Amino acid sequence: SDQKAERQQENLLLQLIVAAAFGMQVMLLYLVQLYPLYAGGDFDSQQVRNMQYLVWALATPVMFVGGLSFLKGAWRALWAGTATMDTLVALGTLSAYSYSVYVTLVGGGEAYFDSVAMITTFVMLGRYLEKIGGAQARKDIRHLLELQPRHAWRRTEGEWQEVEAKALVRGDEIMIKPGERVPVDSEVIEGEAAVDEALLTGESMPVDKGLGESVYAGTMVADSALI
């Protein structure tokens, strides 16, 4: 449903914001403090230990709030006895997080909370962009379906009668008047007209249609009637 999709999109956005906000702080501390210290061979001074505890605190919401969606996905896959992309991402980030926690507690090594923050943020950014792209595609499809008219003019025993478009069958003769949209994919058997196909093809200029040519549902007949 649309409401469920919107809630999922909102949740992904919230997770992305958390991952990005805390992740940027983690990366800043690494760039300014930890990388230079590690490069100098300092892995166990009090300054390094304090910084590791600080980035641990900042990386925890990145991991367990920002990465909640792929953690849940990995858990569901585990219970189903299978593996998915969520499994791989969760395994990688949790491994880096767990090892970094261990190093932070015992000292004497390099913590990789920066990797946890970067991977989680980039994965969530990609997931959010994928979600909004899918939502836009669904909106476009619904918009196209709404453009298809519900009624059509069908020739019945020599007279034009208005009927529901869904009642049309192959072989029916229909008339599309100027300014009306084509109710179903059809072939022109009489008349010539310019047809606006912009919503299907993106082409801004109307296309001339005549005898034997196809017209498509949702396109608009511009200047004269077609049979």
C-alpha atoms as a PDB file:
ATOM      1  CA  SER A   1       0.000   0.000   0.000  1.00  0.00           C
ATOM      2  CA  ASP A   2       1.012   3.611  -0.516  1.00  0.00           C
ATOM      3  CA  GLN A   3       0.922   4.412   3.207  1.00  0.00           C
ATOM      4  CA  LYS A   4       3.160   1.469   4.041  1.00  0.00           C
ATOM      5  CA  ALA A   5       5.619   2.498   1.318  1.00  0.00           C
ATOM      6  CA  GLU A   6       5.665   6.071   2.649  1.00  0.00           C
ATOM      7  CA  ARG A   7       6.345   4.854   6.192  1.00  0.00           C
ATOM      8  CA  GLN A   8       9.197   2.681   4.938  1.00  0.00           C
ATOM      9  CA  GLN A   9      10.640   5.642   3.067  1.00  0.00           C
ATOM     10  CA  GLU A  10      10.405   7.842   6.162  1.00  0.00           C
ATOM     11  CA  ASN A  11      12.096   5.164   8.293  1.00  0.00           C
ATOM     12  CA  LEU A  12      14.917   4.838   5.759  1.00  0.00           C
ATOM     13  CA  LEU A  13      15.380   8.598   5.728  1.00  0.00           C
ATOM     14  CA  LEU A  14      15.586   8.673   9.525  1.00  0.00           C
ATOM     15  CA  GLN A  15      18.148   5.859   9.515  1.00  0.00           C
ATOM     16  CA  LEU A  16      20.159   7.650   6.841  1.00  0.00           C
ATOM     17  CA  ILE A  17      20.144  10.886   8.834  1.00  0.00           C
ATOM     18  CA  VAL A  18      21.350   9.083  11.971  1.00  0.00           C
ATOM     19  CA  ALA A  19      24.059   7.213  10.059  1.00  0.00           C
ATOM     20  CA  ALA A  20      25.260  10.348   8.275  1.00  0.00           C
ATOM     21  CA  ALA A  21      25.134  12.649  11.302  1.00  0.00           C
ATOM     22  CA  PHE A  22      27.040  10.363  13.673  1.00  0.00           C
ATOM     23  CA  GLY A  23      29.191   8.922  10.889  1.00  0.00           C
ATOM     24  CA  MET A  24      30.526  12.358   9.958  1.00  0.00           C
ATOM     25  CA  GLN A  25      31.606  12.911  13.562  1.00  0.00           C
ATOM     26  CA  VAL A  26      33.371   9.550  13.580  1.00  0.00           C
ATOM     27  CA  MET A  27      35.223  10.355  10.354  1.00  0.00           C
ATOM     28  CA  LEU A  28      36.176  13.828  11.583  1.00  0.00           C
ATOM     29  CA  LEU A  29      37.724  12.409  14.746  1.00  0.00           C
ATOM     30  CA  TYR A  30      39.624   9.820  12.743  1.00  0.00           C
ATOM     31  CA  LEU A  31      40.927  12.397  10.268  1.00  0.00           C
ATOM     32  CA  VAL A  32      41.965  14.935  12.885  1.00  0.00           C
ATOM     33  CA  GLN A  33      43.079  12.664  15.733  1.00  0.00           C
ATOM     34  CA  LEU A  34      43.281   8.918  15.239  1.00  0.00           C
ATOM     35  CA  TYR A  35      44.800   8.607  11.755  1.00  0.00           C
ATOM     36  CA  PRO A  36      47.820  10.778  12.661  1.00  0.00           C
ATOM     37  CA  LEU A  37      48.287   8.892  15.934  1.00  0.00           C
ATOM     38  CA  TYR A  38      48.031   5.498  14.264  1.00  0.00           C
ATOM     39  CA  ALA A  39      50.450   6.632  11.534  1.00  0.00           C
ATOM     40  CA  GLY A  40      52.955   7.523  14.254  1.00  0.00           C
ATOM     41  CA  GLY A  41      52.708   4.041  15.777  1.00  0.00           C
ATOM     42  CA  ASP A  42      50.680   5.182  18.787  1.00  0.00           C
ATOM     43  CA  PHE A  43      48.071   2.528  19.589  1.00  0.00           C
ATOM     44  CA  ASP A  44      47.972   2.442  23.369  1.00  0.00           C
ATOM     45  CA  SER A  45      48.448   5.934  24.797  1.00  0.00           C
ATOM     46  CA  GLN A  46      45.755   7.440  27.009  1.00  0.00           C
ATOM     47  CA  GLN A  47      44.843   9.885  24.251  1.00  0.00           C
ATOM     48  CA  VAL A  48      44.287   7.051  21.773  1.00  0.00           C
ATOM     49  CA  ARG A  49      42.277   5.027  24.296  1.00  0.00           C
ATOM     50  CA  ASN A  50      40.057   8.034  25.063  1.00  0.00           C
ATOM     51  CA  MET A  51      39.475   8.728  21.381  1.00  0.00           C
ATOM     52  CA  GLN A  52      38.617   5.092  20.723  1.00  0.00           C
ATOM     53  CA  TYR A  53      35.987   5.135  23.453  1.00  0.00           C
ATOM     54  CA  LEU A  54      34.551   8.329  21.984  1.00  0.00           C
ATOM     55  CA  VAL A  55      34.313   6.984  18.418  1.00  0.00           C
ATOM     56  CA  TRP A  56      32.866   3.745  19.817  1.00  0.00           C
ATOM     57  CA  ALA A  57      30.059   5.765  21.405  1.00  0.00           C
ATOM     58  CA  LEU A  58      29.432   7.636  18.138  1.00  0.00           C
ATOM     59  CA  ALA A  59      29.616   4.532  15.926  1.00  0.00           C
ATOM     60  CA  THR A  60      27.097   2.579  18.023  1.00  0.00           C
ATOM     61  CA  PRO A  61      23.996   4.541  16.829  1.00  0.00           C
ATOM     62  CA  VAL A  62      25.397   4.401  13.281  1.00  0.00           C
ATOM     63  CA  MET A  63      25.547   0.602  13.500  1.00  0.00           C
ATOM     64  CA  PHE A  64      22.331  -0.195  15.346  1.00  0.00           C
ATOM     65  CA  VAL A  65      20.051   2.699  14.364  1.00  0.00           C
ATOM     66  CA  GLY A  66      21.410   3.790  10.998  1.00  0.00           C
ATOM     67  CA  GLY A  67      21.907   0.192   9.878  1.00  0.00           C
ATOM     68  CA  LEU A  68      18.690  -1.163  11.364  1.00  0.00           C
ATOM     69  CA  SER A  69      17.109  -2.077   8.031  1.00  0.00           C
ATOM     70  CA  PHE A  70      19.930  -4.332   6.814  1.00  0.00           C
ATOM     71  CA  LEU A  71      20.364  -5.822  10.303  1.00  0.00           C
ATOM     72  CA  LYS A  72      16.683  -6.788  10.290  1.00  0.00           C
ATOM     73  CA  GLY A  73      17.014  -8.108   6.751  1.00  0.00           C
ATOM     74  CA  ALA A  74      19.987 -10.254   7.746  1.00  0.00           C
ATOM     75  CA  TRP A  75      18.102 -11.599  10.776  1.00  0.00           C
ATOM     76  CA  ARG A  76      15.085 -12.541   8.650  1.00  0.00           C
ATOM     77  CA  ALA A  77      17.357 -14.252   6.120  1.00  0.00           C
ATOM     78  CA  LEU A  78      19.064 -16.168   8.921  1.00  0.00           C
ATOM     79  CA  TRP A  79      15.739 -17.485  10.209  1.00  0.00           C
ATOM     80  CA  ALA A  80      14.785 -18.434   6.648  1.00  0.00           C
ATOM     81  CA  GLY A  81      18.010 -20.409   6.305  1.00  0.00           C
ATOM     82  CA  THR A  82      19.348 -18.330   3.443  1.00  0.00           C
ATOM     83  CA  ALA A  83      21.714 -15.446   2.756  1.00  0.00           C
ATOM     84  CA  THR A  84      21.079 -12.121   1.057  1.00  0.00           C
ATOM     85  CA  MET A  85      22.949  -8.895   0.409  1.00  0.00           C
ATOM     86  CA  ASP A  86      21.787  -7.775   3.862  1.00  0.00           C
ATOM     87  CA  THR A  87      23.610 -10.793   5.294  1.00  0.00           C
ATOM     88  CA  LEU A  88      26.888  -9.751   3.668  1.00  0.00           C
ATOM     89  CA  VAL A  89      26.621  -6.110   4.737  1.00  0.00           C
ATOM     90  CA  ALA A  90      25.612  -7.032   8.294  1.00  0.00           C
ATOM     91  CA  LEU A  91      28.405  -9.606   8.562  1.00  0.00           C
ATOM     92  CA  GLY A  92      31.029  -7.120   7.384  1.00  0.00           C
ATOM     93  CA  THR A  93      29.944  -4.203   9.544  1.00  0.00           C
ATOM     94  CA  LEU A  94      29.287  -6.287  12.667  1.00  0.00           C
ATOM     95  CA  SER A  95      32.678  -7.967  12.309  1.00  0.00           C
ATOM     96  CA  ALA A  96      34.446  -4.620  12.045  1.00  0.00           C
ATOM     97  CA  TYR A  97      32.386  -3.217  14.923  1.00  0.00           C
ATOM     98  CA  SER A  98      32.971  -6.220  17.205  1.00  0.00           C
ATOM     99  CA  TYR A  99      36.715  -6.318  16.554  1.00  0.00           C
ATOM    100  CA  SER A 100      36.956  -2.565  17.156  1.00  0.00           C
ATOM    101  CA  VAL A 101      35.086  -2.892  20.456  1.00  0.00           C
ATOM    102  CA  TYR A 102      37.517  -5.622  21.514  1.00  0.00           C
ATOM    103  CA  VAL A 103      40.540  -3.491  20.592  1.00  0.00           C
ATOM    104  CA  THR A 104      39.066  -0.506  22.406  1.00  0.00           C
ATOM    105  CA  LEU A 105      38.557  -2.537  25.582  1.00  0.00           C
ATOM    106  CA  VAL A 106      41.940  -4.293  25.663  1.00  0.00           C
ATOM    107  CA  GLY A 107      44.067  -1.644  23.938  1.00  0.00           C
ATOM    108  CA  GLY A 108      47.135  -2.035  21.784  1.00  0.00           C
ATOM    109  CA  GLY A 109      45.497  -2.042  18.359  1.00  0.00           C
ATOM    110  CA  GLU A 110      43.734  -0.057  15.658  1.00  0.00           C
ATOM    111  CA  ALA A 111      39.943   0.310  15.820  1.00  0.00           C
ATOM    112  CA  TYR A 112      37.924   0.326  12.589  1.00  0.00           C
ATOM    113  CA  PHE A 113      34.847   2.278  13.582  1.00  0.00           C
ATOM    114  CA  ASP A 114      35.527   4.509  10.578  1.00  0.00           C
ATOM    115  CA  SER A 115      34.825   1.580   8.250  1.00  0.00           C
ATOM    116  CA  VAL A 116      31.605   0.811  10.100  1.00  0.00           C
ATOM    117  CA  ALA A 117      30.454   4.414   9.719  1.00  0.00           C
ATOM    118  CA  MET A 118      31.352   4.710   6.021  1.00  0.00           C
ATOM    119  CA  ILE A 119      29.882   1.386   4.926  1.00  0.00           C
ATOM    120  CA  THR A 120      26.654   1.894   6.845  1.00  0.00           C
ATOM    121  CA  THR A 121      26.164   5.447   5.584  1.00  0.00           C
ATOM    122  CA  PHE A 122      26.834   4.573   1.938  1.00  0.00           C
ATOM    123  CA  VAL A 123      24.607   1.482   2.053  1.00  0.00           C
ATOM    124  CA  MET A 124      21.763   3.461   3.590  1.00  0.00           C
ATOM    125  CA  LEU A 125      22.201   6.284   1.088  1.00  0.00           C
ATOM    126  CA  GLY A 126      21.932   3.807  -1.774  1.00  0.00           C
ATOM    127  CA  ARG A 127      18.938   2.115  -0.195  1.00  0.00           C
ATOM    128  CA  TYR A 128      17.139   5.427   0.298  1.00  0.00           C
ATOM    129  CA  LEU A 129      17.802   6.560  -3.272  1.00  0.00           C
ATOM    130  CA  GLU A 130      16.515   3.199  -4.514  1.00  0.00           C
ATOM    131  CA  LYS A 131      13.368   3.597  -2.430  1.00  0.00           C
ATOM    132  CA  ILE A 132      12.535   7.106  -3.653  1.00  0.00           C
ATOM    133  CA  GLY A 133      13.269   6.052  -7.233  1.00  0.00           C
ATOM    134  CA  GLY A 134      10.822   3.176  -6.932  1.00  0.00           C
ATOM    135  CA  ALA A 135       8.211   5.443  -5.354  1.00  0.00           C
ATOM    136  CA  GLN A 136       8.521   7.912  -8.226  1.00  0.00           C
ATOM    137  CA  ALA A 137       8.190   5.102 -10.766  1.00  0.00           C
ATOM    138  CA  ARG A 138       4.999   3.897  -9.084  1.00  0.00           C
ATOM    139  CA  LYS A 139       3.592   7.424  -9.153  1.00  0.00           C
ATOM    140  CA  ASP A 140       4.374   7.735 -12.859  1.00  0.00           C
ATOM    141  CA  ILE A 141       2.647   4.437 -13.615  1.00  0.00           C
ATOM    142  CA  ARG A 142      -0.433   5.469 -11.652  1.00  0.00           C
ATOM    143  CA  HIS A 143      -0.444   8.790 -13.491  1.00  0.00           C
ATOM    144  CA  LEU A 144      -0.352   7.012 -16.848  1.00  0.00           C
ATOM    145  CA  LEU A 145      -3.179   4.706 -15.811  1.00  0.00           C
ATOM    146  CA  GLU A 146      -5.264   7.696 -14.759  1.00  0.00           C
ATOM    147  CA  LEU A 147      -4.793   9.224 -18.214  1.00  0.00           C
ATOM    148  CA  GLN A 148      -6.525   6.298 -19.888  1.00  0.00           C
ATOM    149  CA  PRO A 149     -10.157   7.379 -20.420  1.00  0.00           C
ATOM    150  CA  ARG A 150     -12.895   5.295 -18.872  1.00  0.00           C
ATOM    151  CA  HIS A 151     -15.314   5.721 -21.777  1.00  0.00           C
ATOM    152  CA  ALA A 152     -15.113   5.438 -25.544  1.00  0.00           C
ATOM    153  CA  TRP A 153     -17.273   6.029 -28.621  1.00  0.00           C
ATOM    154  CA  ARG A 154     -17.981   2.661 -30.298  1.00  0.00           C
ATOM    155  CA  ARG A 155     -19.815   2.098 -33.578  1.00  0.00           C
ATOM    156  CA  THR A 156     -22.767  -0.198 -32.962  1.00  0.00           C
ATOM    157  CA  GLU A 157     -25.135  -0.995 -35.855  1.00  0.00           C
ATOM    158  CA  GLY A 158     -23.978   2.111 -37.680  1.00  0.00           C
ATOM    159  CA  GLU A 159     -24.401   4.462 -34.710  1.00  0.00           C
ATOM    160  CA  TRP A 160     -21.866   5.861 -32.272  1.00  0.00           C
ATOM    161  CA  GLN A 161     -22.578   4.896 -28.673  1.00  0.00           C
ATOM    162  CA  GLU A 162     -20.659   5.788 -25.556  1.00  0.00           C
ATOM    163  CA  VAL A 163     -19.480   2.669 -23.722  1.00  0.00           C
ATOM    164  CA  GLU A 164     -17.000   1.837 -20.988  1.00  0.00           C
ATOM    165  CA  ALA A 165     -13.470   1.462 -22.318  1.00  0.00           C
ATOM    166  CA  LYS A 166     -13.039  -1.872 -20.536  1.00  0.00           C
ATOM    167  CA  ALA A 167     -15.962  -3.251 -22.580  1.00  0.00           C
ATOM    168  CA  LEU A 168     -14.069  -2.845 -25.864  1.00  0.00           C
ATOM    169  CA  VAL A 169     -12.872  -5.979 -27.654  1.00  0.00           C
ATOM    170  CA  ARG A 170     -10.630  -6.661 -30.637  1.00  0.00           C
ATOM    171  CA  GLY A 171     -12.358  -5.654 -33.863  1.00  0.00           C
ATOM    172  CA  ASP A 172     -14.500  -2.843 -32.392  1.00  0.00           C
ATOM    173  CA  GLU A 173     -14.571   0.409 -34.330  1.00  0.00           C
ATOM    174  CA  ILE A 174     -14.116   3.437 -32.097  1.00  0.00           C
ATOM    175  CA  MET A 175     -13.940   7.174 -32.675  1.00  0.00           C
ATOM    176  CA  ILE A 176     -11.523   9.468 -30.880  1.00  0.00           C
ATOM    177  CA  LYS A 177     -12.603  13.072 -31.115  1.00  0.00           C
ATOM    178  CA  PRO A 178     -10.186  16.042 -31.105  1.00  0.00           C
ATOM    179  CA  GLY A 179      -8.967  16.729 -27.581  1.00  0.00           C
ATOM    180  CA  GLU A 180      -9.802  13.209 -26.368  1.00  0.00           C
ATOM    181  CA  ARG A 181      -7.386  10.507 -25.287  1.00  0.00           C
ATOM    182  CA  VAL A 182      -7.146   7.139 -26.965  1.00  0.00           C
ATOM    183  CA  PRO A 183      -8.898   4.549 -24.746  1.00  0.00           C
ATOM    184  CA  VAL A 184      -7.034   1.450 -26.021  1.00  0.00           C
ATOM    185  CA  ASP A 185      -4.158   0.600 -28.355  1.00  0.00           C
ATOM    186  CA  SER A 186      -5.684   0.813 -31.811  1.00  0.00           C
ATOM    187  CA  GLU A 187      -5.057   0.966 -35.561  1.00  0.00           C
ATOM    188  CA  VAL A 188      -6.289   3.908 -37.641  1.00  0.00           C
ATOM    189  CA  ILE A 189      -8.764   2.863 -40.341  1.00  0.00           C
ATOM    190  CA  GLU A 190     -10.099   6.323 -41.199  1.00  0.00           C
ATOM    191  CA  GLY A 191      -8.916   9.921 -40.795  1.00  0.00           C
ATOM    192  CA  GLU A 192      -5.666  11.737 -40.190  1.00  0.00           C
ATOM    193  CA  ALA A 193      -4.662  13.637 -37.065  1.00  0.00           C
ATOM    194  CA  ALA A 194      -1.740  14.830 -34.989  1.00  0.00           C
ATOM    195  CA  VAL A 195      -1.383  12.741 -31.835  1.00  0.00           C
ATOM    196  CA  ASP A 196       0.404  13.938 -28.704  1.00  0.00           C
ATOM    197  CA  GLU A 197       2.542  11.045 -27.409  1.00  0.00           C
ATOM    198  CA  ALA A 198       4.703  13.103 -25.052  1.00  0.00           C
ATOM    199  CA  LEU A 199       3.758  11.196 -21.913  1.00  0.00           C
ATOM    200  CA  LEU A 200       4.815   7.895 -23.494  1.00  0.00           C
ATOM    201  CA  THR A 201       7.838   8.882 -25.568  1.00  0.00           C
ATOM    202  CA  GLY A 202       8.917  12.243 -24.154  1.00  0.00           C
ATOM    203  CA  GLU A 203       8.653  13.754 -27.637  1.00  0.00           C
ATOM    204  CA  SER A 204       7.143  17.241 -27.313  1.00  0.00           C
ATOM    205  CA  MET A 205       5.928  17.553 -30.912  1.00  0.00           C
ATOM    206  CA  PRO A 206       2.691  15.753 -31.930  1.00  0.00           C
ATOM    207  CA  VAL A 207       3.085  12.842 -34.351  1.00  0.00           C
ATOM    208  CA  ASP A 208       0.945  12.652 -37.502  1.00  0.00           C
ATOM    209  CA  LYS A 209      -1.128   9.475 -37.679  1.00  0.00           C
ATOM    210  CA  GLY A 210      -3.007   8.122 -40.672  1.00  0.00           C
ATOM    211  CA  LEU A 211      -4.431   4.974 -42.260  1.00  0.00           C
ATOM    212  CA  GLY A 212      -2.863   1.768 -40.954  1.00  0.00           C
ATOM    213  CA  GLU A 213      -0.798   3.409 -38.225  1.00  0.00           C
ATOM    214  CA  SER A 214      -1.004   2.573 -34.537  1.00  0.00           C
ATOM    215  CA  VAL A 215      -2.186   4.875 -31.766  1.00  0.00           C
ATOM    216  CA  TYR A 216      -1.646   4.053 -28.128  1.00  0.00           C
ATOM    217  CA  ALA A 217      -3.804   4.213 -25.021  1.00  0.00           C
ATOM    218  CA  GLY A 218      -3.380   7.458 -23.081  1.00  0.00           C
ATOM    219  CA  THR A 219      -2.144   9.534 -26.021  1.00  0.00           C
ATOM    220  CA  MET A 220      -4.216  12.553 -27.105  1.00  0.00           C
ATOM    221  CA  VAL A 221      -5.690  13.259 -30.521  1.00  0.00           C
ATOM    222  CA  ALA A 222      -5.033  16.927 -31.218  1.00  0.00           C
ATOM    223  CA  ASP A 223      -6.764  18.310 -34.271  1.00  0.00           C
ATOM    224  CA  SER A 224      -9.288  15.989 -35.940  1.00  0.00           C
ATOM    225  CA  ALA A 225     -11.185  12.773 -35.296  1.00  0.00           C
ATOM    226  CA  LEU A 226      -9.776   9.323 -35.909  1.00  0.00           C
ATOM    227  CA  ILE A 227     -11.634   6.074 -36.450  1.00  0.00           C
END
